mmCIF file of all heavy atoms, coordinates in Angstrom:
data_MODEL
# 
_entry.id   MODEL 
# 
loop_
_atom_site.group_PDB 
_atom_site.id 
_atom_site.type_symbol 
_atom_site.label_atom_id 
_atom_site.label_alt_id 
_atom_site.label_comp_id 
_atom_site.label_asym_id 
_atom_site.label_entity_id 
_atom_site.label_seq_id 
_atom_site.pdbx_PDB_ins_code 
_atom_site.Cartn_x 
_atom_site.Cartn_y 
_atom_site.Cartn_z 
_atom_site.occupancy 
_atom_site.B_iso_or_equiv 
_atom_site.pdbx_formal_charge 
_atom_site.auth_seq_id 
_atom_site.auth_comp_id 
_atom_site.auth_asym_id 
_atom_site.auth_atom_id 
_atom_site.pdbx_PDB_model_num 
ATOM 1   N N   . GLY A 1 1  ? 86.285  97.024  82.806 1.00 0.00 ? 1  GLY A N   1 
ATOM 2   C CA  . GLY A 1 1  ? 86.206  98.345  82.215 1.00 0.00 ? 1  GLY A CA  1 
ATOM 3   C C   . GLY A 1 1  ? 87.514  99.085  82.194 1.00 0.00 ? 1  GLY A C   1 
ATOM 4   O O   . GLY A 1 1  ? 87.618  100.130 81.541 1.00 0.00 ? 1  GLY A O   1 
ATOM 5   N N   . ARG A 1 2  ? 88.523  98.581  82.890 1.00 0.00 ? 2  ARG A N   1 
ATOM 6   C CA  . ARG A 1 2  ? 89.817  99.242  82.953 1.00 0.00 ? 2  ARG A CA  1 
ATOM 7   C C   . ARG A 1 2  ? 90.941  98.394  82.377 1.00 0.00 ? 2  ARG A C   1 
ATOM 8   O O   . ARG A 1 2  ? 92.062  98.900  82.231 1.00 0.00 ? 2  ARG A O   1 
ATOM 9   C CB  . ARG A 1 2  ? 90.176  99.608  84.392 1.00 0.00 ? 2  ARG A CB  1 
ATOM 10  C CG  . ARG A 1 2  ? 89.189  100.547 85.069 1.00 0.00 ? 2  ARG A CG  1 
ATOM 11  C CD  . ARG A 1 2  ? 89.730  101.016 86.415 1.00 0.00 ? 2  ARG A CD  1 
ATOM 12  N NE  . ARG A 1 2  ? 89.828  99.930  87.386 1.00 0.00 ? 2  ARG A NE  1 
ATOM 13  C CZ  . ARG A 1 2  ? 90.919  99.636  88.078 1.00 0.00 ? 2  ARG A CZ  1 
ATOM 14  N NH1 . ARG A 1 2  ? 92.028  100.345 87.896 1.00 0.00 ? 2  ARG A NH1 1 
ATOM 15  N NH2 . ARG A 1 2  ? 90.911  98.645  88.960 1.00 0.00 ? 2  ARG A NH2 1 
ATOM 16  N N   . SER A 1 3  ? 90.661  97.141  82.082 1.00 0.00 ? 3  SER A N   1 
ATOM 17  C CA  . SER A 1 3  ? 91.711  96.221  81.671 1.00 0.00 ? 3  SER A CA  1 
ATOM 18  C C   . SER A 1 3  ? 91.305  95.434  80.440 1.00 0.00 ? 3  SER A C   1 
ATOM 19  O O   . SER A 1 3  ? 90.120  95.184  80.205 1.00 0.00 ? 3  SER A O   1 
ATOM 20  C CB  . SER A 1 3  ? 92.054  95.248  82.793 1.00 0.00 ? 3  SER A CB  1 
ATOM 21  O OG  . SER A 1 3  ? 92.503  95.937  83.949 1.00 0.00 ? 3  SER A OG  1 
ATOM 22  N N   . THR A 1 4  ? 92.308  95.048  79.678 1.00 0.00 ? 4  THR A N   1 
ATOM 23  C CA  . THR A 1 4  ? 92.104  94.196  78.515 1.00 0.00 ? 4  THR A CA  1 
ATOM 24  C C   . THR A 1 4  ? 93.199  93.141  78.492 1.00 0.00 ? 4  THR A C   1 
ATOM 25  O O   . THR A 1 4  ? 94.380  93.469  78.563 1.00 0.00 ? 4  THR A O   1 
ATOM 26  C CB  . THR A 1 4  ? 92.146  94.995  77.203 1.00 0.00 ? 4  THR A CB  1 
ATOM 27  O OG1 . THR A 1 4  ? 91.157  96.024  77.227 1.00 0.00 ? 4  THR A OG1 1 
ATOM 28  C CG2 . THR A 1 4  ? 91.880  94.068  76.013 1.00 0.00 ? 4  THR A CG2 1 
ATOM 29  N N   . ILE A 1 5  ? 92.799  91.890  78.401 1.00 0.00 ? 5  ILE A N   1 
ATOM 30  C CA  . ILE A 1 5  ? 93.761  90.806  78.337 1.00 0.00 ? 5  ILE A CA  1 
ATOM 31  C C   . ILE A 1 5  ? 93.690  90.172  76.953 1.00 0.00 ? 5  ILE A C   1 
ATOM 32  O O   . ILE A 1 5  ? 92.613  90.003  76.384 1.00 0.00 ? 5  ILE A O   1 
ATOM 33  C CB  . ILE A 1 5  ? 93.517  89.762  79.445 1.00 0.00 ? 5  ILE A CB  1 
ATOM 34  C CG1 . ILE A 1 5  ? 94.676  88.764  79.511 1.00 0.00 ? 5  ILE A CG1 1 
ATOM 35  C CG2 . ILE A 1 5  ? 92.185  89.041  79.254 1.00 0.00 ? 5  ILE A CG2 1 
ATOM 36  C CD1 . ILE A 1 5  ? 94.648  87.890  80.753 1.00 0.00 ? 5  ILE A CD1 1 
ATOM 37  N N   . PHE A 1 6  ? 94.832  89.846  76.407 1.00 0.00 ? 6  PHE A N   1 
ATOM 38  C CA  . PHE A 1 6  ? 94.870  89.213  75.103 1.00 0.00 ? 6  PHE A CA  1 
ATOM 39  C C   . PHE A 1 6  ? 96.088  88.308  75.009 1.00 0.00 ? 6  PHE A C   1 
ATOM 40  O O   . PHE A 1 6  ? 97.108  88.545  75.650 1.00 0.00 ? 6  PHE A O   1 
ATOM 41  C CB  . PHE A 1 6  ? 94.861  90.247  73.966 1.00 0.00 ? 6  PHE A CB  1 
ATOM 42  C CG  . PHE A 1 6  ? 95.894  91.326  74.099 1.00 0.00 ? 6  PHE A CG  1 
ATOM 43  C CD1 . PHE A 1 6  ? 97.078  91.270  73.390 1.00 0.00 ? 6  PHE A CD1 1 
ATOM 44  C CD2 . PHE A 1 6  ? 95.672  92.424  74.913 1.00 0.00 ? 6  PHE A CD2 1 
ATOM 45  C CE1 . PHE A 1 6  ? 98.029  92.271  73.494 1.00 0.00 ? 6  PHE A CE1 1 
ATOM 46  C CE2 . PHE A 1 6  ? 96.613  93.439  75.036 1.00 0.00 ? 6  PHE A CE2 1 
ATOM 47  C CZ  . PHE A 1 6  ? 97.797  93.353  74.317 1.00 0.00 ? 6  PHE A CZ  1 
ATOM 48  N N   . MET A 1 7  ? 95.968  87.275  74.198 1.00 0.00 ? 7  MET A N   1 
ATOM 49  C CA  . MET A 1 7  ? 97.007  86.269  74.084 1.00 0.00 ? 7  MET A CA  1 
ATOM 50  C C   . MET A 1 7  ? 97.621  86.276  72.694 1.00 0.00 ? 7  MET A C   1 
ATOM 51  O O   . MET A 1 7  ? 96.916  86.357  71.689 1.00 0.00 ? 7  MET A O   1 
ATOM 52  C CB  . MET A 1 7  ? 96.450  84.875  74.393 1.00 0.00 ? 7  MET A CB  1 
ATOM 53  C CG  . MET A 1 7  ? 97.467  83.743  74.276 1.00 0.00 ? 7  MET A CG  1 
ATOM 54  S SD  . MET A 1 7  ? 96.732  82.103  74.520 1.00 0.00 ? 7  MET A SD  1 
ATOM 55  C CE  . MET A 1 7  ? 96.258  82.208  76.255 1.00 0.00 ? 7  MET A CE  1 
ATOM 56  N N   . ASP A 1 8  ? 98.927  86.186  72.651 1.00 0.00 ? 8  ASP A N   1 
ATOM 57  C CA  . ASP A 1 8  ? 99.668  85.932  71.428 1.00 0.00 ? 8  ASP A CA  1 
ATOM 58  C C   . ASP A 1 8  ? 100.035 84.457  71.465 1.00 0.00 ? 8  ASP A C   1 
ATOM 59  O O   . ASP A 1 8  ? 101.036 84.066  72.061 1.00 0.00 ? 8  ASP A O   1 
ATOM 60  C CB  . ASP A 1 8  ? 100.910 86.809  71.345 1.00 0.00 ? 8  ASP A CB  1 
ATOM 61  C CG  . ASP A 1 8  ? 101.654 86.659  70.030 1.00 0.00 ? 8  ASP A CG  1 
ATOM 62  O OD1 . ASP A 1 8  ? 101.514 85.615  69.362 1.00 0.00 ? 8  ASP A OD1 1 
ATOM 63  O OD2 . ASP A 1 8  ? 102.393 87.588  69.658 1.00 0.00 ? 8  ASP A OD2 1 
ATOM 64  N N   . ASN A 1 9  ? 99.201  83.642  70.853 1.00 0.00 ? 9  ASN A N   1 
ATOM 65  C CA  . ASN A 1 9  ? 99.364  82.201  70.956 1.00 0.00 ? 9  ASN A CA  1 
ATOM 66  C C   . ASN A 1 9  ? 100.681 81.718  70.343 1.00 0.00 ? 9  ASN A C   1 
ATOM 67  O O   . ASN A 1 9  ? 101.319 80.806  70.875 1.00 0.00 ? 9  ASN A O   1 
ATOM 68  C CB  . ASN A 1 9  ? 98.187  81.487  70.298 1.00 0.00 ? 9  ASN A CB  1 
ATOM 69  C CG  . ASN A 1 9  ? 98.089  80.028  70.698 1.00 0.00 ? 9  ASN A CG  1 
ATOM 70  O OD1 . ASN A 1 9  ? 98.148  79.685  71.873 1.00 0.00 ? 9  ASN A OD1 1 
ATOM 71  N ND2 . ASN A 1 9  ? 97.919  79.160  69.711 1.00 0.00 ? 9  ASN A ND2 1 
ATOM 72  N N   . ALA A 1 10 ? 101.085 82.331  69.235 1.00 0.00 ? 10 ALA A N   1 
ATOM 73  C CA  . ALA A 1 10 ? 102.313 81.914  68.570 1.00 0.00 ? 10 ALA A CA  1 
ATOM 74  C C   . ALA A 1 10 ? 103.530 82.126  69.458 1.00 0.00 ? 10 ALA A C   1 
ATOM 75  O O   . ALA A 1 10 ? 104.481 81.340  69.425 1.00 0.00 ? 10 ALA A O   1 
ATOM 76  C CB  . ALA A 1 10 ? 102.487 82.649  67.245 1.00 0.00 ? 10 ALA A CB  1 
ATOM 77  N N   . LYS A 1 11 ? 103.517 83.200  70.250 1.00 0.00 ? 11 LYS A N   1 
ATOM 78  C CA  . LYS A 1 11 ? 104.628 83.500  71.144 1.00 0.00 ? 11 LYS A CA  1 
ATOM 79  C C   . LYS A 1 11 ? 104.419 82.971  72.549 1.00 0.00 ? 11 LYS A C   1 
ATOM 80  O O   . LYS A 1 11 ? 105.261 83.192  73.421 1.00 0.00 ? 11 LYS A O   1 
ATOM 81  C CB  . LYS A 1 11 ? 104.869 85.008  71.186 1.00 0.00 ? 11 LYS A CB  1 
ATOM 82  C CG  . LYS A 1 11 ? 105.299 85.599  69.859 1.00 0.00 ? 11 LYS A CG  1 
ATOM 83  C CD  . LYS A 1 11 ? 105.579 87.084  69.990 1.00 0.00 ? 11 LYS A CD  1 
ATOM 84  C CE  . LYS A 1 11 ? 106.059 87.662  68.675 1.00 0.00 ? 11 LYS A CE  1 
ATOM 85  N NZ  . LYS A 1 11 ? 106.340 89.112  68.782 1.00 0.00 ? 11 LYS A NZ  1 
ATOM 86  N N   . ARG A 1 12 ? 103.300 82.291  72.760 1.00 0.00 ? 12 ARG A N   1 
ATOM 87  C CA  . ARG A 1 12 ? 102.973 81.717  74.061 1.00 0.00 ? 12 ARG A CA  1 
ATOM 88  C C   . ARG A 1 12 ? 103.039 82.782  75.154 1.00 0.00 ? 12 ARG A C   1 
ATOM 89  O O   . ARG A 1 12 ? 103.587 82.570  76.235 1.00 0.00 ? 12 ARG A O   1 
ATOM 90  C CB  . ARG A 1 12 ? 103.899 80.537  74.373 1.00 0.00 ? 12 ARG A CB  1 
ATOM 91  C CG  . ARG A 1 12 ? 103.864 79.458  73.288 1.00 0.00 ? 12 ARG A CG  1 
ATOM 92  C CD  . ARG A 1 12 ? 104.503 78.154  73.712 1.00 0.00 ? 12 ARG A CD  1 
ATOM 93  N NE  . ARG A 1 12 ? 105.917 78.291  74.024 1.00 0.00 ? 12 ARG A NE  1 
ATOM 94  C CZ  . ARG A 1 12 ? 106.713 77.282  74.328 1.00 0.00 ? 12 ARG A CZ  1 
ATOM 95  N NH1 . ARG A 1 12 ? 106.223 76.048  74.372 1.00 0.00 ? 12 ARG A NH1 1 
ATOM 96  N NH2 . ARG A 1 12 ? 107.988 77.494  74.609 1.00 0.00 ? 12 ARG A NH2 1 
ATOM 97  N N   . THR A 1 13 ? 102.442 83.925  74.852 1.00 0.00 ? 13 THR A N   1 
ATOM 98  C CA  . THR A 1 13 ? 102.507 85.086  75.726 1.00 0.00 ? 13 THR A CA  1 
ATOM 99  C C   . THR A 1 13 ? 101.118 85.684  75.929 1.00 0.00 ? 13 THR A C   1 
ATOM 100 O O   . THR A 1 13 ? 100.321 85.740  74.994 1.00 0.00 ? 13 THR A O   1 
ATOM 101 C CB  . THR A 1 13 ? 103.437 86.156  75.135 1.00 0.00 ? 13 THR A CB  1 
ATOM 102 O OG1 . THR A 1 13 ? 104.763 85.630  75.040 1.00 0.00 ? 13 THR A OG1 1 
ATOM 103 C CG2 . THR A 1 13 ? 103.466 87.402  76.007 1.00 0.00 ? 13 THR A CG2 1 
ATOM 104 N N   . VAL A 1 14 ? 100.847 86.128  77.137 1.00 0.00 ? 14 VAL A N   1 
ATOM 105 C CA  . VAL A 1 14 ? 99.621  86.845  77.439 1.00 0.00 ? 14 VAL A CA  1 
ATOM 106 C C   . VAL A 1 14 ? 99.988  88.255  77.894 1.00 0.00 ? 14 VAL A C   1 
ATOM 107 O O   . VAL A 1 14 ? 100.992 88.455  78.582 1.00 0.00 ? 14 VAL A O   1 
ATOM 108 C CB  . VAL A 1 14 ? 98.787  86.119  78.514 1.00 0.00 ? 14 VAL A CB  1 
ATOM 109 C CG1 . VAL A 1 14 ? 99.501  86.100  79.857 1.00 0.00 ? 14 VAL A CG1 1 
ATOM 110 C CG2 . VAL A 1 14 ? 97.409  86.748  78.641 1.00 0.00 ? 14 VAL A CG2 1 
ATOM 111 N N   . HIS A 1 15 ? 99.179  89.223  77.476 1.00 0.00 ? 15 HIS A N   1 
ATOM 112 C CA  . HIS A 1 15 ? 99.381  90.619  77.845 1.00 0.00 ? 15 HIS A CA  1 
ATOM 113 C C   . HIS A 1 15 ? 98.138  91.126  78.569 1.00 0.00 ? 15 HIS A C   1 
ATOM 114 O O   . HIS A 1 15 ? 97.016  90.871  78.141 1.00 0.00 ? 15 HIS A O   1 
ATOM 115 C CB  . HIS A 1 15 ? 99.635  91.494  76.624 1.00 0.00 ? 15 HIS A CB  1 
ATOM 116 C CG  . HIS A 1 15 ? 100.787 91.044  75.780 1.00 0.00 ? 15 HIS A CG  1 
ATOM 117 N ND1 . HIS A 1 15 ? 102.102 91.300  76.118 1.00 0.00 ? 15 HIS A ND1 1 
ATOM 118 C CD2 . HIS A 1 15 ? 100.822 90.349  74.616 1.00 0.00 ? 15 HIS A CD2 1 
ATOM 119 C CE1 . HIS A 1 15 ? 102.896 90.785  75.195 1.00 0.00 ? 15 HIS A CE1 1 
ATOM 120 N NE2 . HIS A 1 15 ? 102.143 90.203  74.273 1.00 0.00 ? 15 HIS A NE2 1 
ATOM 121 N N   . LEU A 1 16 ? 98.357  91.849  79.638 1.00 0.00 ? 16 LEU A N   1 
ATOM 122 C CA  . LEU A 1 16 ? 97.281  92.488  80.371 1.00 0.00 ? 16 LEU A CA  1 
ATOM 123 C C   . LEU A 1 16 ? 97.512  93.987  80.346 1.00 0.00 ? 16 LEU A C   1 
ATOM 124 O O   . LEU A 1 16 ? 98.436  94.483  80.997 1.00 0.00 ? 16 LEU A O   1 
ATOM 125 C CB  . LEU A 1 16 ? 97.214  91.984  81.814 1.00 0.00 ? 16 LEU A CB  1 
ATOM 126 C CG  . LEU A 1 16 ? 96.176  92.666  82.711 1.00 0.00 ? 16 LEU A CG  1 
ATOM 127 C CD1 . LEU A 1 16 ? 94.766  92.396  82.212 1.00 0.00 ? 16 LEU A CD1 1 
ATOM 128 C CD2 . LEU A 1 16 ? 96.337  92.210  84.157 1.00 0.00 ? 16 LEU A CD2 1 
ATOM 129 N N   . GLN A 1 17 ? 96.695  94.694  79.585 1.00 0.00 ? 17 GLN A N   1 
ATOM 130 C CA  . GLN A 1 17 ? 96.753  96.144  79.527 1.00 0.00 ? 17 GLN A CA  1 
ATOM 131 C C   . GLN A 1 17 ? 95.850  96.710  80.604 1.00 0.00 ? 17 GLN A C   1 
ATOM 132 O O   . GLN A 1 17 ? 94.645  96.444  80.614 1.00 0.00 ? 17 GLN A O   1 
ATOM 133 C CB  . GLN A 1 17 ? 96.314  96.648  78.148 1.00 0.00 ? 17 GLN A CB  1 
ATOM 134 C CG  . GLN A 1 17 ? 96.286  98.160  78.011 1.00 0.00 ? 17 GLN A CG  1 
ATOM 135 C CD  . GLN A 1 17 ? 97.666  98.775  78.036 1.00 0.00 ? 17 GLN A CD  1 
ATOM 136 O OE1 . GLN A 1 17 ? 98.609  98.200  77.503 1.00 0.00 ? 17 GLN A OE1 1 
ATOM 137 N NE2 . GLN A 1 17 ? 97.783  99.939  78.657 1.00 0.00 ? 17 GLN A NE2 1 
ATOM 138 N N   . MET A 1 18 ? 96.422  97.474  81.514 1.00 0.00 ? 18 MET A N   1 
ATOM 139 C CA  . MET A 1 18 ? 95.680  98.055  82.614 1.00 0.00 ? 18 MET A CA  1 
ATOM 140 C C   . MET A 1 18 ? 95.741  99.572  82.514 1.00 0.00 ? 18 MET A C   1 
ATOM 141 O O   . MET A 1 18 ? 96.824  100.157 82.448 1.00 0.00 ? 18 MET A O   1 
ATOM 142 C CB  . MET A 1 18 ? 96.221  97.592  83.962 1.00 0.00 ? 18 MET A CB  1 
ATOM 143 C CG  . MET A 1 18 ? 96.221  96.074  84.138 1.00 0.00 ? 18 MET A CG  1 
ATOM 144 S SD  . MET A 1 18 ? 96.769  95.539  85.787 1.00 0.00 ? 18 MET A SD  1 
ATOM 145 C CE  . MET A 1 18 ? 95.410  96.122  86.793 1.00 0.00 ? 18 MET A CE  1 
ATOM 146 N N   . ASP A 1 19 ? 94.579  100.198 82.510 1.00 0.00 ? 19 ASP A N   1 
ATOM 147 C CA  . ASP A 1 19 ? 94.457  101.646 82.419 1.00 0.00 ? 19 ASP A CA  1 
ATOM 148 C C   . ASP A 1 19 ? 93.728  102.184 83.641 1.00 0.00 ? 19 ASP A C   1 
ATOM 149 O O   . ASP A 1 19 ? 93.109  101.438 84.392 1.00 0.00 ? 19 ASP A O   1 
ATOM 150 C CB  . ASP A 1 19 ? 93.706  102.045 81.146 1.00 0.00 ? 19 ASP A CB  1 
ATOM 151 C CG  . ASP A 1 19 ? 94.350  101.530 79.880 1.00 0.00 ? 19 ASP A CG  1 
ATOM 152 O OD1 . ASP A 1 19 ? 95.585  101.672 79.745 1.00 0.00 ? 19 ASP A OD1 1 
ATOM 153 O OD2 . ASP A 1 19 ? 93.629  100.979 79.016 1.00 0.00 ? 19 ASP A OD2 1 
ATOM 154 N N   . SER A 1 20 ? 93.808  103.497 83.813 1.00 0.00 ? 20 SER A N   1 
ATOM 155 C CA  . SER A 1 20 ? 93.139  104.163 84.937 1.00 0.00 ? 20 SER A CA  1 
ATOM 156 C C   . SER A 1 20 ? 93.459  103.478 86.254 1.00 0.00 ? 20 SER A C   1 
ATOM 157 O O   . SER A 1 20 ? 92.573  103.206 87.077 1.00 0.00 ? 20 SER A O   1 
ATOM 158 C CB  . SER A 1 20 ? 91.626  104.199 84.701 1.00 0.00 ? 20 SER A CB  1 
ATOM 159 O OG  . SER A 1 20 ? 91.309  104.883 83.507 1.00 0.00 ? 20 SER A OG  1 
ATOM 160 N N   . LEU A 1 21 ? 94.724  103.209 86.467 1.00 0.00 ? 21 LEU A N   1 
ATOM 161 C CA  . LEU A 1 21 ? 95.146  102.509 87.668 1.00 0.00 ? 21 LEU A CA  1 
ATOM 162 C C   . LEU A 1 21 ? 94.920  103.361 88.913 1.00 0.00 ? 21 LEU A C   1 
ATOM 163 O O   . LEU A 1 21 ? 95.039  104.586 88.882 1.00 0.00 ? 21 LEU A O   1 
ATOM 164 C CB  . LEU A 1 21 ? 96.611  102.108 87.558 1.00 0.00 ? 21 LEU A CB  1 
ATOM 165 C CG  . LEU A 1 21 ? 96.877  100.942 86.597 1.00 0.00 ? 21 LEU A CG  1 
ATOM 166 C CD1 . LEU A 1 21 ? 98.355  100.843 86.270 1.00 0.00 ? 21 LEU A CD1 1 
ATOM 167 C CD2 . LEU A 1 21 ? 96.385  99.637  87.203 1.00 0.00 ? 21 LEU A CD2 1 
ATOM 168 N N   . LYS A 1 22 ? 94.597  102.683 89.997 1.00 0.00 ? 22 LYS A N   1 
ATOM 169 C CA  . LYS A 1 22 ? 94.296  103.320 91.265 1.00 0.00 ? 22 LYS A CA  1 
ATOM 170 C C   . LYS A 1 22 ? 95.256  102.824 92.333 1.00 0.00 ? 22 LYS A C   1 
ATOM 171 O O   . LYS A 1 22 ? 95.828  101.742 92.204 1.00 0.00 ? 22 LYS A O   1 
ATOM 172 C CB  . LYS A 1 22 ? 92.858  103.007 91.697 1.00 0.00 ? 22 LYS A CB  1 
ATOM 173 C CG  . LYS A 1 22 ? 91.806  103.276 90.636 1.00 0.00 ? 22 LYS A CG  1 
ATOM 174 C CD  . LYS A 1 22 ? 90.454  102.737 91.077 1.00 0.00 ? 22 LYS A CD  1 
ATOM 175 C CE  . LYS A 1 22 ? 89.408  102.922 90.004 1.00 0.00 ? 22 LYS A CE  1 
ATOM 176 N NZ  . LYS A 1 22 ? 88.096  102.357 90.420 1.00 0.00 ? 22 LYS A NZ  1 
ATOM 177 N N   . PRO A 1 23 ? 95.440  103.589 93.404 1.00 0.00 ? 23 PRO A N   1 
ATOM 178 C CA  . PRO A 1 23 ? 96.310  103.116 94.491 1.00 0.00 ? 23 PRO A CA  1 
ATOM 179 C C   . PRO A 1 23 ? 95.901  101.755 95.034 1.00 0.00 ? 23 PRO A C   1 
ATOM 180 O O   . PRO A 1 23 ? 96.769  100.979 95.444 1.00 0.00 ? 23 PRO A O   1 
ATOM 181 C CB  . PRO A 1 23 ? 96.165  104.208 95.550 1.00 0.00 ? 23 PRO A CB  1 
ATOM 182 C CG  . PRO A 1 23 ? 95.877  105.444 94.763 1.00 0.00 ? 23 PRO A CG  1 
ATOM 183 C CD  . PRO A 1 23 ? 95.001  104.977 93.622 1.00 0.00 ? 23 PRO A CD  1 
ATOM 184 N N   . GLU A 1 24 ? 94.615  101.451 95.034 1.00 0.00 ? 24 GLU A N   1 
ATOM 185 C CA  . GLU A 1 24 ? 94.166  100.164 95.536 1.00 0.00 ? 24 GLU A CA  1 
ATOM 186 C C   . GLU A 1 24 ? 94.546  99.005  94.627 1.00 0.00 ? 24 GLU A C   1 
ATOM 187 O O   . GLU A 1 24 ? 94.378  97.842  94.997 1.00 0.00 ? 24 GLU A O   1 
ATOM 188 C CB  . GLU A 1 24 ? 92.648  100.158 95.776 1.00 0.00 ? 24 GLU A CB  1 
ATOM 189 C CG  . GLU A 1 24 ? 91.842  100.678 94.602 1.00 0.00 ? 24 GLU A CG  1 
ATOM 190 C CD  . GLU A 1 24 ? 91.451  102.135 94.774 1.00 0.00 ? 24 GLU A CD  1 
ATOM 191 O OE1 . GLU A 1 24 ? 92.308  102.936 95.195 1.00 0.00 ? 24 GLU A OE1 1 
ATOM 192 O OE2 . GLU A 1 24 ? 90.280  102.473 94.488 1.00 0.00 ? 24 GLU A OE2 1 
ATOM 193 N N   . ASP A 1 25 ? 95.061  99.294  93.434 1.00 0.00 ? 25 ASP A N   1 
ATOM 194 C CA  . ASP A 1 25 ? 95.587  98.254  92.562 1.00 0.00 ? 25 ASP A CA  1 
ATOM 195 C C   . ASP A 1 25 ? 96.995  97.834  92.963 1.00 0.00 ? 25 ASP A C   1 
ATOM 196 O O   . ASP A 1 25 ? 97.544  96.889  92.385 1.00 0.00 ? 25 ASP A O   1 
ATOM 197 C CB  . ASP A 1 25 ? 95.597  98.723  91.105 1.00 0.00 ? 25 ASP A CB  1 
ATOM 198 C CG  . ASP A 1 25 ? 94.208  98.958  90.553 1.00 0.00 ? 25 ASP A CG  1 
ATOM 199 O OD1 . ASP A 1 25 ? 93.310  98.130  90.820 1.00 0.00 ? 25 ASP A OD1 1 
ATOM 200 O OD2 . ASP A 1 25 ? 94.012  99.968  89.840 1.00 0.00 ? 25 ASP A OD2 1 
ATOM 201 N N   . THR A 1 26 ? 97.582  98.524  93.913 1.00 0.00 ? 26 THR A N   1 
ATOM 202 C CA  . THR A 1 26 ? 98.937  98.247  94.347 1.00 0.00 ? 26 THR A CA  1 
ATOM 203 C C   . THR A 1 26 ? 99.013  96.912  95.083 1.00 0.00 ? 26 THR A C   1 
ATOM 204 O O   . THR A 1 26 ? 98.353  96.711  96.103 1.00 0.00 ? 26 THR A O   1 
ATOM 205 C CB  . THR A 1 26 ? 99.450  99.361  95.259 1.00 0.00 ? 26 THR A CB  1 
ATOM 206 O OG1 . THR A 1 26 ? 99.508  100.594 94.535 1.00 0.00 ? 26 THR A OG1 1 
ATOM 207 C CG2 . THR A 1 26 ? 100.837 99.032  95.791 1.00 0.00 ? 26 THR A CG2 1 
ATOM 208 N N   . THR A 1 27 ? 99.808  96.011  94.551 1.00 0.00 ? 27 THR A N   1 
ATOM 209 C CA  . THR A 1 27 ? 100.048 94.714  95.171 1.00 0.00 ? 27 THR A CA  1 
ATOM 210 C C   . THR A 1 27 ? 100.945 93.906  94.248 1.00 0.00 ? 27 THR A C   1 
ATOM 211 O O   . THR A 1 27 ? 101.444 94.401  93.246 1.00 0.00 ? 27 THR A O   1 
ATOM 212 C CB  . THR A 1 27 ? 98.723  93.966  95.442 1.00 0.00 ? 27 THR A CB  1 
ATOM 213 O OG1 . THR A 1 27 ? 98.989  92.808  96.241 1.00 0.00 ? 27 THR A OG1 1 
ATOM 214 C CG2 . THR A 1 27 ? 98.052  93.539  94.145 1.00 0.00 ? 27 THR A CG2 1 
# 
C-alpha cells in the first residue's frame, strides 16, 4: 500500500517507489 515496484526491461533496471515512509523503514 505504500510502495510500487516496476521494471524497465530495456534498460535492465528496476525502480521501487516508496511513499509515506516511516522511521521504522530506516535500514
